[in-house]
Protein backbone atom coordinates (compact mmCIF):
# COMPACT_ATOMS: atom_id res chain seq x y z
CA UNK A 1 14.36 -3.40 33.02
CA UNK A 2 12.97 -6.92 32.96
CA UNK A 3 13.57 -8.97 29.82
CA UNK A 4 10.67 -10.46 27.87
CA UNK A 5 11.33 -13.81 26.18
CA UNK A 6 9.21 -14.27 23.06
CA UNK A 7 8.86 -17.87 21.88
CA UNK A 8 7.78 -18.28 18.26
CA UNK A 9 6.71 -21.71 17.04
CA UNK A 10 7.17 -22.60 13.38
CA UNK A 11 6.77 -25.28 10.73
CA UNK A 12 7.18 -24.37 7.07
CA UNK A 13 6.40 -20.69 7.68
CA UNK A 14 8.78 -19.02 5.23
CA UNK A 15 5.89 -16.87 3.98
CA UNK A 16 5.13 -15.49 7.45
CA UNK A 17 8.16 -15.68 9.73
CA UNK A 18 9.85 -12.51 8.45
CA UNK A 19 6.80 -10.35 9.19
CA UNK A 20 6.38 -11.92 12.60
CA UNK A 21 9.99 -11.40 13.63
CA UNK A 22 10.09 -7.92 12.13
CA UNK A 23 7.10 -6.95 14.28
CA UNK A 24 9.01 -8.12 17.35
CA UNK A 25 12.06 -6.12 16.33
CA UNK A 26 9.86 -3.00 16.05
CA UNK A 27 8.58 -3.20 19.63
CA UNK A 28 8.81 -0.09 21.81
CA UNK A 29 9.88 -2.26 24.75
CA UNK A 30 13.66 -2.46 24.47
CA UNK A 31 14.59 -5.66 26.32
CA UNK A 32 13.37 -8.73 24.46
CA UNK A 33 14.87 -12.01 23.37
CA UNK A 34 13.40 -14.02 20.51
CA UNK A 35 13.45 -17.80 20.59
CA UNK A 36 12.28 -19.62 17.46
CA UNK A 37 11.40 -23.28 17.86
CA UNK A 38 10.92 -25.03 14.54
CA UNK A 39 9.33 -28.42 13.94
CA UNK A 40 11.31 -29.90 11.03
CA UNK A 41 10.59 -27.29 8.37
CA UNK A 42 11.55 -28.22 4.83
CA UNK A 43 11.46 -24.65 3.51
CA UNK A 44 13.54 -21.54 4.37
CA UNK A 45 11.86 -20.86 7.74
CA UNK A 46 14.97 -21.45 9.86
CA UNK A 47 17.23 -19.56 7.45
CA UNK A 48 14.97 -16.50 7.61
CA UNK A 49 14.62 -16.77 11.40
CA UNK A 50 18.41 -16.75 11.82
CA UNK A 51 18.45 -13.31 10.17
CA UNK A 52 16.61 -12.04 13.28
CA UNK A 53 17.91 -14.20 16.14
CA UNK A 54 20.63 -16.67 16.97
CA UNK A 55 18.18 -18.61 19.12
CA UNK A 56 16.70 -20.96 16.53
CA UNK A 57 16.08 -24.55 17.60
CA UNK A 58 14.57 -27.73 16.16
CA UNK A 59 12.04 -29.42 18.42
CA UNK A 60 8.70 -31.17 18.07
CA UNK A 61 6.47 -33.05 17.74
CA UNK A 62 3.79 -30.37 18.14
CA UNK A 63 3.18 -26.78 19.22
CA UNK A 64 2.85 -27.30 22.98
CA UNK A 65 6.13 -29.25 23.06
CA UNK A 66 7.75 -26.46 21.02
CA UNK A 67 6.48 -23.82 23.44
CA UNK A 68 7.66 -25.74 26.48
CA UNK A 69 11.08 -26.26 24.90
CA UNK A 70 11.36 -22.57 24.04
CA UNK A 71 10.40 -21.59 27.57
CA UNK A 72 13.14 -23.90 28.91
CA UNK A 73 15.66 -21.80 26.93
CA UNK A 74 14.20 -18.44 27.98
CA UNK A 75 16.06 -16.06 30.27
CA UNK A 76 13.41 -13.35 30.62
CA UNK A 77 11.34 -12.40 33.63
CA UNK A 78 8.28 -12.58 31.35
CA UNK A 79 7.40 -14.95 28.51
CA UNK A 80 5.18 -14.54 25.48
CA UNK A 81 4.13 -17.14 22.92
CA UNK A 82 3.50 -16.32 19.26
CA UNK A 83 2.70 -18.36 16.21
CA UNK A 84 4.72 -17.54 13.10
CA UNK A 85 1.68 -16.16 11.27
CA UNK A 86 1.08 -13.51 13.94
CA UNK A 87 2.38 -9.95 14.01
CA UNK A 88 2.42 -7.58 16.96
CA UNK A 89 1.47 -3.93 17.04
CA UNK A 90 4.52 -1.92 18.09
CA UNK A 91 3.53 -1.21 21.70
CA UNK A 92 1.96 -4.49 22.74
CA UNK A 93 4.95 -5.91 24.67
CA UNK A 94 5.38 -2.66 26.58
CA UNK A 95 1.65 -2.55 27.37
CA UNK A 96 1.76 -6.12 28.67
CA UNK A 97 4.75 -5.47 30.93
CA UNK A 98 3.18 -2.26 32.24
CA UNK A 99 -0.06 -4.09 33.02
CA UNK A 100 1.72 -6.94 34.79
CA UNK A 101 3.81 -4.53 36.87
CA UNK A 102 0.70 -2.59 37.92
CA UNK A 103 -1.27 -5.75 38.68
CA UNK A 104 1.12 -8.29 40.27
CA UNK A 105 -1.76 -10.59 41.15
CA UNK A 106 -2.10 -11.42 37.44
CA UNK A 107 -0.26 -14.51 36.24
CA UNK A 108 -0.86 -14.04 32.53
CA UNK A 109 -2.52 -11.98 29.86
CA UNK A 110 -4.51 -12.91 26.79
CA UNK A 111 -3.97 -10.66 23.79
CA UNK A 112 -6.94 -10.76 21.40
CA UNK A 113 -6.13 -11.49 17.77
CA UNK A 114 -7.31 -9.49 14.79
CA UNK A 115 -7.60 -11.82 11.80
CA UNK A 116 -7.03 -10.10 8.48
CA UNK A 117 -6.70 -13.07 6.13
CA UNK A 118 -8.79 -16.01 5.05
């Protein structure tokens, strides 16, 4: 089984991070690692994130730098980026891995978002 590294970028996301990380924990694909890269939060974001993963880092100054830093810490064969206000349906990681295995010519996938808030 090939590990999937999921990099979650945060900044003052205490209202959202628990739902995001819970949705990762509920994935049907069993081999994931979660890397949270925070940009100087002043709320409980990092504290909540540490309830889900030991891989919580501080890095900035903006989202692309956070993603690149998280990827540099990743050990998976595949990588996925999420923002802290996103949640995943339970089979999405497994579907992505299955698709990439079936279609090795693909270098990445875009997962459409469903916005439910304002």
